[in-house]
Structures are given as structure tokens and as C-alpha cells.
Amino acid sequence: MIQTDTTEEEVTTIENQSPQQVIKKTTKQVEPQVKEGAPQKVYDTKKSIFRFNKVIWYILGLVETLLIFRIVLKLLGANPSAGFASLIYAITEPLAAPFSGILGTSTTGNSSFEWSTIIAVIVYLCIAWGVVYLLDLIYPISSKDLETK
């Protein structure tokens, strides 16, 4: 909880005179008091958020790698009925589908270049970065906060 009043005033008046006659007025700033929970609980919370950030980046890396495999296999004209190519296409189809109609596909012979998959890679990167940045704004964590306790 943060203290909202950050100033204190001290007014000194001379006795037997009206209160409107101020002799001395002193104002000093008071630092807001931040009240946190138990140190171990705060540490555990920050550690959990840090791990969550790492999980987000790991999932993004996995999704981006699969989409890059899709781009390369399509570009090389891989046989879609081959085992590995079929697996990659099946896994990445739900990831690339929301972007499939945005731009066309450049085709030369057996190879094709899906511009929409490039857009998917960029959008997923922006989403992951935005979530991690939002968490960092809400719960700022430095490496000093996570040193061994």
C-alpha cells in the first residue's frame, strides 16, 4: 500500500495574536512508504513471473521454428506426402491459417513462397513481446531481484 500524502506542513504562530498571522511555515517532502509482503513471498512471485516470461519466449521459439521449417520446405518444393513435410504442414497449418488470405503465394515450378507465413512469424513475435513487456511493466524484475536467497 502506498501512502498518498507526501507533504507535511508545520505552522508556528505567536500566542495572543490572530491565527492569520503566520510567522513560520515549513514544508517538507516525505517519501511514500511502500508496503510489500514477506520477502520470501515477494521473491517467489518475482521468480514465477520470470519463469513465465521464459516459458513465453520458449513457446515463441518453438512456433517460430516450426513456421520457418514450413517456409523452407515450401520454398524447396518438398513433397507434401513425405513424412516429415506432412508432419510440419499438419502442425503449422492452424498457426498459418489465420493469415492465409492476407497476401498471395509466389510460385515457381514446385517451390512456393507463402508471404502470409512471414506475416504470421512477425505477428506471433509481436504478441509474445507485448505480453512479456506488459508483465515487465506491471511487475518489474531485475536480475538482482532473482539472486539466490
C-alpha atoms as a PDB file:
ATOM      1  CA  MET A   1       0.000   0.000   0.000  1.00  0.00           C
ATOM      2  CA  ILE A   2       1.371   3.429  -0.913  1.00  0.00           C
ATOM      3  CA  GLN A   3       0.942   6.423   1.357  1.00  0.00           C
ATOM      4  CA  THR A   4      -0.873   9.128  -0.605  1.00  0.00           C
ATOM      5  CA  ASP A   5       0.021  12.190   1.491  1.00  0.00           C
ATOM      6  CA  THR A   6       3.623  13.117   0.727  1.00  0.00           C
ATOM      7  CA  THR A   7       3.877  16.537   2.363  1.00  0.00           C
ATOM      8  CA  GLU A   8       3.795  17.731   5.926  1.00  0.00           C
ATOM      9  CA  GLU A   9       3.265  21.338   6.952  1.00  0.00           C
ATOM     10  CA  GLU A  10       4.277  22.900  10.225  1.00  0.00           C
ATOM     11  CA  VAL A  11       2.797  26.269  11.101  1.00  0.00           C
ATOM     12  CA  THR A  12       4.069  28.300  14.029  1.00  0.00           C
ATOM     13  CA  THR A  13       2.075  31.237  15.364  1.00  0.00           C
ATOM     14  CA  ILE A  14       2.689  33.682  18.171  1.00  0.00           C
ATOM     15  CA  GLU A  15       0.306  33.398  21.104  1.00  0.00           C
ATOM     16  CA  ASN A  16      -2.144  36.202  21.735  1.00  0.00           C
ATOM     17  CA  GLN A  17      -2.229  37.031  18.023  1.00  0.00           C
ATOM     18  CA  SER A  18      -4.730  36.067  15.409  1.00  0.00           C
ATOM     19  CA  PRO A  19      -4.193  32.728  13.596  1.00  0.00           C
ATOM     20  CA  GLN A  20      -3.963  34.602  10.303  1.00  0.00           C
ATOM     21  CA  GLN A  21      -0.542  35.961  11.215  1.00  0.00           C
ATOM     22  CA  VAL A  22       1.825  33.139  10.278  1.00  0.00           C
ATOM     23  CA  ILE A  23       5.361  33.600  11.472  1.00  0.00           C
ATOM     24  CA  LYS A  24       6.961  30.477  10.040  1.00  0.00           C
ATOM     25  CA  LYS A  25       5.706  27.932   7.539  1.00  0.00           C
ATOM     26  CA  THR A  26       7.811  24.833   6.846  1.00  0.00           C
ATOM     27  CA  THR A  27       7.011  22.241   4.204  1.00  0.00           C
ATOM     28  CA  LYS A  28       8.992  19.065   3.839  1.00  0.00           C
ATOM     29  CA  GLN A  29       8.663  16.149   1.440  1.00  0.00           C
ATOM     30  CA  VAL A  30       8.002  12.755   2.945  1.00  0.00           C
ATOM     31  CA  GLU A  31       8.971   9.659   0.922  1.00  0.00           C
ATOM     32  CA  PRO A  32       5.978   7.450   0.127  1.00  0.00           C
ATOM     33  CA  GLN A  33       6.035   4.241   2.102  1.00  0.00           C
ATOM     34  CA  VAL A  34       5.701   1.105   0.003  1.00  0.00           C
ATOM     35  CA  LYS A  35       4.409  -1.808   1.950  1.00  0.00           C
ATOM     36  CA  GLU A  36       5.333  -5.172   0.442  1.00  0.00           C
ATOM     37  CA  GLY A  37       4.596  -8.656   1.659  1.00  0.00           C
ATOM     38  CA  ALA A  38       7.016 -11.038   3.262  1.00  0.00           C
ATOM     39  CA  PRO A  39      10.392 -11.066   1.474  1.00  0.00           C
ATOM     40  CA  GLN A  40      10.141 -14.767   0.590  1.00  0.00           C
ATOM     41  CA  LYS A  41       6.663 -14.293  -0.908  1.00  0.00           C
ATOM     42  CA  VAL A  42       7.849 -11.329  -2.998  1.00  0.00           C
ATOM     43  CA  TYR A  43      10.865 -13.351  -4.172  1.00  0.00           C
ATOM     44  CA  ASP A  44       8.674 -16.322  -5.108  1.00  0.00           C
ATOM     45  CA  THR A  45       6.271 -14.078  -7.037  1.00  0.00           C
ATOM     46  CA  LYS A  46       9.085 -12.433  -8.994  1.00  0.00           C
ATOM     47  CA  LYS A  47      10.657 -15.812  -9.694  1.00  0.00           C
ATOM     48  CA  SER A  48       7.329 -17.153 -11.003  1.00  0.00           C
ATOM     49  CA  ILE A  49       6.873 -14.160 -13.288  1.00  0.00           C
ATOM     50  CA  PHE A  50      10.443 -14.532 -14.565  1.00  0.00           C
ATOM     51  CA  ARG A  51       9.801 -18.216 -15.330  1.00  0.00           C
ATOM     52  CA  PHE A  52       6.530 -17.329 -17.058  1.00  0.00           C
ATOM     53  CA  ASN A  53       8.442 -14.888 -19.284  1.00  0.00           C
ATOM     54  CA  LYS A  54      10.910 -17.643 -20.144  1.00  0.00           C
ATOM     55  CA  VAL A  55       8.048 -20.024 -20.986  1.00  0.00           C
ATOM     56  CA  ILE A  56       6.534 -17.420 -23.313  1.00  0.00           C
ATOM     57  CA  TRP A  57       9.851 -16.997 -25.146  1.00  0.00           C
ATOM     58  CA  TYR A  58      10.299 -20.785 -25.347  1.00  0.00           C
ATOM     59  CA  ILE A  59       6.839 -21.281 -26.878  1.00  0.00           C
ATOM     60  CA  LEU A  60       7.514 -18.450 -29.316  1.00  0.00           C
ATOM     61  CA  GLY A  61      10.810 -20.066 -30.317  1.00  0.00           C
ATOM     62  CA  LEU A  62       9.066 -23.382 -30.933  1.00  0.00           C
ATOM     63  CA  VAL A  63       6.286 -21.792 -33.014  1.00  0.00           C
ATOM     64  CA  GLU A  64       8.747 -19.662 -34.998  1.00  0.00           C
ATOM     65  CA  THR A  65      10.984 -22.689 -35.700  1.00  0.00           C
ATOM     66  CA  LEU A  66       8.048 -24.723 -36.998  1.00  0.00           C
ATOM     67  CA  LEU A  67       6.885 -21.848 -39.216  1.00  0.00           C
ATOM     68  CA  ILE A  68      10.411 -21.369 -40.575  1.00  0.00           C
ATOM     69  CA  PHE A  69      10.542 -25.102 -41.385  1.00  0.00           C
ATOM     70  CA  ARG A  70       7.245 -24.668 -43.237  1.00  0.00           C
ATOM     71  CA  ILE A  71       8.609 -21.716 -45.227  1.00  0.00           C
ATOM     72  CA  VAL A  72      11.820 -23.556 -46.146  1.00  0.00           C
ATOM     73  CA  LEU A  73      10.043 -26.795 -47.114  1.00  0.00           C
ATOM     74  CA  LYS A  74       7.541 -24.913 -49.295  1.00  0.00           C
ATOM     75  CA  LEU A  75      10.361 -22.872 -50.820  1.00  0.00           C
ATOM     76  CA  LEU A  76      12.340 -26.007 -51.653  1.00  0.00           C
ATOM     77  CA  GLY A  77       9.241 -27.684 -53.080  1.00  0.00           C
ATOM     78  CA  ALA A  78       9.210 -30.581 -50.614  1.00  0.00           C
ATOM     79  CA  ASN A  79       6.851 -33.448 -51.353  1.00  0.00           C
ATOM     80  CA  PRO A  80       3.759 -32.854 -49.153  1.00  0.00           C
ATOM     81  CA  SER A  81       3.137 -36.596 -48.878  1.00  0.00           C
ATOM     82  CA  ALA A  82       6.609 -37.232 -47.410  1.00  0.00           C
ATOM     83  CA  GLY A  83       6.541 -37.972 -43.678  1.00  0.00           C
ATOM     84  CA  PHE A  84       8.468 -35.011 -42.265  1.00  0.00           C
ATOM     85  CA  ALA A  85       6.994 -32.448 -44.650  1.00  0.00           C
ATOM     86  CA  SER A  86       3.489 -33.774 -43.988  1.00  0.00           C
ATOM     87  CA  LEU A  87       4.065 -33.534 -40.226  1.00  0.00           C
ATOM     88  CA  ILE A  88       5.347 -29.943 -40.424  1.00  0.00           C
ATOM     89  CA  TYR A  89       2.481 -28.885 -42.708  1.00  0.00           C
ATOM     90  CA  ALA A  90      -0.096 -30.512 -40.399  1.00  0.00           C
ATOM     91  CA  ILE A  91       1.338 -28.870 -37.262  1.00  0.00           C
ATOM     92  CA  THR A  92       1.771 -25.407 -38.786  1.00  0.00           C
ATOM     93  CA  GLU A  93      -1.489 -25.240 -40.733  1.00  0.00           C
ATOM     94  CA  PRO A  94      -3.508 -23.998 -37.693  1.00  0.00           C
ATOM     95  CA  LEU A  95      -0.768 -21.454 -36.947  1.00  0.00           C
ATOM     96  CA  ALA A  96      -0.616 -20.114 -40.502  1.00  0.00           C
ATOM     97  CA  ALA A  97      -4.348 -20.357 -41.322  1.00  0.00           C
ATOM     98  CA  PRO A  98      -5.448 -17.019 -39.778  1.00  0.00           C
ATOM     99  CA  PHE A  99      -3.035 -15.216 -42.106  1.00  0.00           C
ATOM    100  CA  SER A 100      -3.574 -17.266 -45.284  1.00  0.00           C
ATOM    101  CA  GLY A 101      -5.677 -14.749 -47.206  1.00  0.00           C
ATOM    102  CA  ILE A 102      -3.656 -11.617 -46.481  1.00  0.00           C
ATOM    103  CA  LEU A 103      -1.096 -11.926 -49.284  1.00  0.00           C
ATOM    104  CA  GLY A 104      -0.729 -14.258 -52.192  1.00  0.00           C
ATOM    105  CA  THR A 105       1.757 -17.068 -52.708  1.00  0.00           C
ATOM    106  CA  SER A 106       4.686 -16.677 -55.083  1.00  0.00           C
ATOM    107  CA  THR A 107       5.085 -19.911 -57.063  1.00  0.00           C
ATOM    108  CA  THR A 108       7.873 -21.044 -59.365  1.00  0.00           C
ATOM    109  CA  GLY A 109       7.788 -24.667 -60.520  1.00  0.00           C
ATOM    110  CA  ASN A 110       7.365 -26.909 -57.459  1.00  0.00           C
ATOM    111  CA  SER A 111       8.502 -24.290 -54.961  1.00  0.00           C
ATOM    112  CA  SER A 112       6.253 -21.677 -53.427  1.00  0.00           C
ATOM    113  CA  PHE A 113       6.786 -18.806 -51.044  1.00  0.00           C
ATOM    114  CA  GLU A 114       3.962 -18.067 -48.611  1.00  0.00           C
ATOM    115  CA  TRP A 115       4.071 -14.406 -47.695  1.00  0.00           C
ATOM    116  CA  SER A 116       1.274 -14.959 -45.204  1.00  0.00           C
ATOM    117  CA  THR A 117       3.509 -17.289 -43.175  1.00  0.00           C
ATOM    118  CA  ILE A 118       6.098 -14.499 -42.917  1.00  0.00           C
ATOM    119  CA  ILE A 119       3.355 -12.238 -41.573  1.00  0.00           C
ATOM    120  CA  ALA A 120       2.397 -14.969 -39.066  1.00  0.00           C
ATOM    121  CA  VAL A 121       6.012 -15.122 -37.842  1.00  0.00           C
ATOM    122  CA  ILE A 122       6.073 -11.349 -37.334  1.00  0.00           C
ATOM    123  CA  VAL A 123       2.654 -11.221 -35.624  1.00  0.00           C
ATOM    124  CA  TYR A 124       3.496 -14.046 -33.197  1.00  0.00           C
ATOM    125  CA  LEU A 125       6.764 -12.317 -32.331  1.00  0.00           C
ATOM    126  CA  CYS A 126       4.925  -9.044 -31.643  1.00  0.00           C
ATOM    127  CA  ILE A 127       2.320 -10.801 -29.481  1.00  0.00           C
ATOM    128  CA  ALA A 128       4.948 -12.565 -27.364  1.00  0.00           C
ATOM    129  CA  TRP A 129       6.995  -9.376 -26.992  1.00  0.00           C
ATOM    130  CA  GLY A 130       3.866  -7.438 -26.000  1.00  0.00           C
ATOM    131  CA  VAL A 131       2.864  -9.952 -23.305  1.00  0.00           C
ATOM    132  CA  VAL A 132       6.376 -10.038 -21.828  1.00  0.00           C
ATOM    133  CA  TYR A 133       6.631  -6.227 -21.944  1.00  0.00           C
ATOM    134  CA  LEU A 134       3.234  -5.854 -20.256  1.00  0.00           C
ATOM    135  CA  LEU A 135       4.299  -8.220 -17.476  1.00  0.00           C
ATOM    136  CA  ASP A 136       7.511  -6.220 -17.093  1.00  0.00           C
ATOM    137  CA  LEU A 137       5.504  -3.008 -16.748  1.00  0.00           C
ATOM    138  CA  ILE A 138       3.186  -4.499 -14.145  1.00  0.00           C
ATOM    139  CA  TYR A 139       5.844  -6.464 -12.230  1.00  0.00           C
ATOM    140  CA  PRO A 140       9.311  -5.046 -12.945  1.00  0.00           C
ATOM    141  CA  ILE A 141      12.026  -7.622 -12.288  1.00  0.00           C
ATOM    142  CA  SER A 142      15.778  -7.128 -12.426  1.00  0.00           C
ATOM    143  CA  SER A 143      18.430  -9.830 -12.322  1.00  0.00           C
ATOM    144  CA  LYS A 144      19.405  -8.521  -8.861  1.00  0.00           C
ATOM    145  CA  ASP A 145      15.919  -9.407  -7.608  1.00  0.00           C
ATOM    146  CA  LEU A 146      16.422 -13.057  -8.526  1.00  0.00           C
ATOM    147  CA  GLU A 147      19.810 -13.682  -6.949  1.00  0.00           C
ATOM    148  CA  THR A 148      19.966 -16.768  -4.764  1.00  0.00           C
ATOM    149  CA  LYS A 149      18.413 -16.194  -1.385  1.00  0.00           C
END
